[in-house]
Amino acid sequence: MAVQQNKKTRSKRDHRRAHDRVVTPTLTEDQYTGEIHRRHHVASDGRYRGRQVREIKIPEEDLQEE
């Protein structure tokens, strides 16, 4: 079993822990549709920066409700 040879200082410990925080994702409102989505990701409607980049299939159940 590994055992440390010397005690880590508070400074070294805190420097190591500096990046361990929980980060919330950065959200942006799409300027074309107004939808909230993660930055640099395709929105749920398949659009990215005003262009349709992915075809989204709508389930048949949703089509019957309209």
Protein backbone atom coordinates (compact mmCIF):
# COMPACT_ATOMS: atom_id res chain seq x y z
CA MET A 1 0.00 0.00 0.00
CA ALA A 2 1.39 3.42 -0.98
CA VAL A 3 2.11 5.83 1.84
CA GLN A 4 3.12 9.43 1.27
CA GLN A 5 6.59 10.32 2.42
CA ASN A 6 5.90 13.95 3.35
CA LYS A 7 2.75 15.87 4.25
CA LYS A 8 1.26 17.94 1.42
CA THR A 9 1.05 21.63 2.23
CA ARG A 10 -2.26 23.51 2.23
CA SER A 11 -1.09 25.43 -0.81
CA LYS A 12 -0.35 22.31 -2.88
CA ARG A 13 -3.65 20.75 -1.80
CA ASP A 14 -5.65 23.84 -2.71
CA HIS A 15 -3.92 24.22 -6.08
CA ARG A 16 -4.88 20.63 -6.89
CA ARG A 17 -8.49 21.23 -5.86
CA ALA A 18 -8.79 24.47 -7.84
CA HIS A 19 -10.40 22.71 -10.81
CA ASP A 20 -12.69 20.32 -8.88
CA ARG A 21 -15.67 22.68 -8.73
CA VAL A 22 -19.04 21.87 -10.29
CA VAL A 23 -19.59 23.93 -13.41
CA THR A 24 -23.03 24.65 -14.82
CA PRO A 25 -23.29 24.52 -18.61
CA THR A 26 -23.26 27.87 -20.41
CA LEU A 27 -26.64 28.48 -22.04
CA THR A 28 -27.41 30.82 -24.91
CA GLU A 29 -30.59 32.05 -26.54
CA ASP A 30 -30.64 31.34 -30.27
CA GLN A 31 -30.92 34.67 -32.08
CA TYR A 32 -32.98 33.15 -34.90
CA THR A 33 -35.52 31.00 -33.02
CA GLY A 34 -35.21 32.27 -29.43
CA GLU A 35 -34.65 28.75 -28.10
CA ILE A 36 -32.31 28.22 -25.14
CA HIS A 37 -29.50 25.74 -25.86
CA ARG A 38 -25.91 24.94 -24.85
CA ARG A 39 -23.28 27.07 -26.55
CA HIS A 40 -21.68 25.52 -29.66
CA HIS A 41 -24.26 22.72 -29.70
CA VAL A 42 -27.14 22.02 -32.07
CA ALA A 43 -30.53 23.09 -30.68
CA SER A 44 -33.27 20.50 -30.20
CA ASP A 45 -34.98 21.55 -33.45
CA GLY A 46 -31.82 20.63 -35.41
CA ARG A 47 -30.70 24.19 -36.10
CA TYR A 48 -27.27 25.69 -35.49
CA ARG A 49 -26.63 29.40 -36.07
CA GLY A 50 -29.74 29.78 -38.21
CA ARG A 51 -29.10 26.82 -40.49
CA GLN A 52 -30.82 23.42 -40.47
CA VAL A 53 -27.94 21.00 -39.85
CA ARG A 54 -29.81 17.92 -38.66
CA GLU A 55 -33.12 16.40 -39.69
CA ILE A 56 -35.32 15.81 -36.64
CA LYS A 57 -37.91 13.03 -36.83
CA ILE A 58 -41.22 13.84 -35.17
CA PRO A 59 -42.94 10.85 -33.50
CA GLU A 60 -46.32 9.86 -35.00
CA GLU A 61 -48.03 10.47 -31.64
CA ASP A 62 -47.15 14.17 -31.79
CA LEU A 63 -48.48 14.49 -35.32
CA GLN A 64 -51.89 13.08 -34.32
CA GLU A 65 -52.32 15.60 -31.47
CA GLU A 66 -51.98 18.61 -33.81
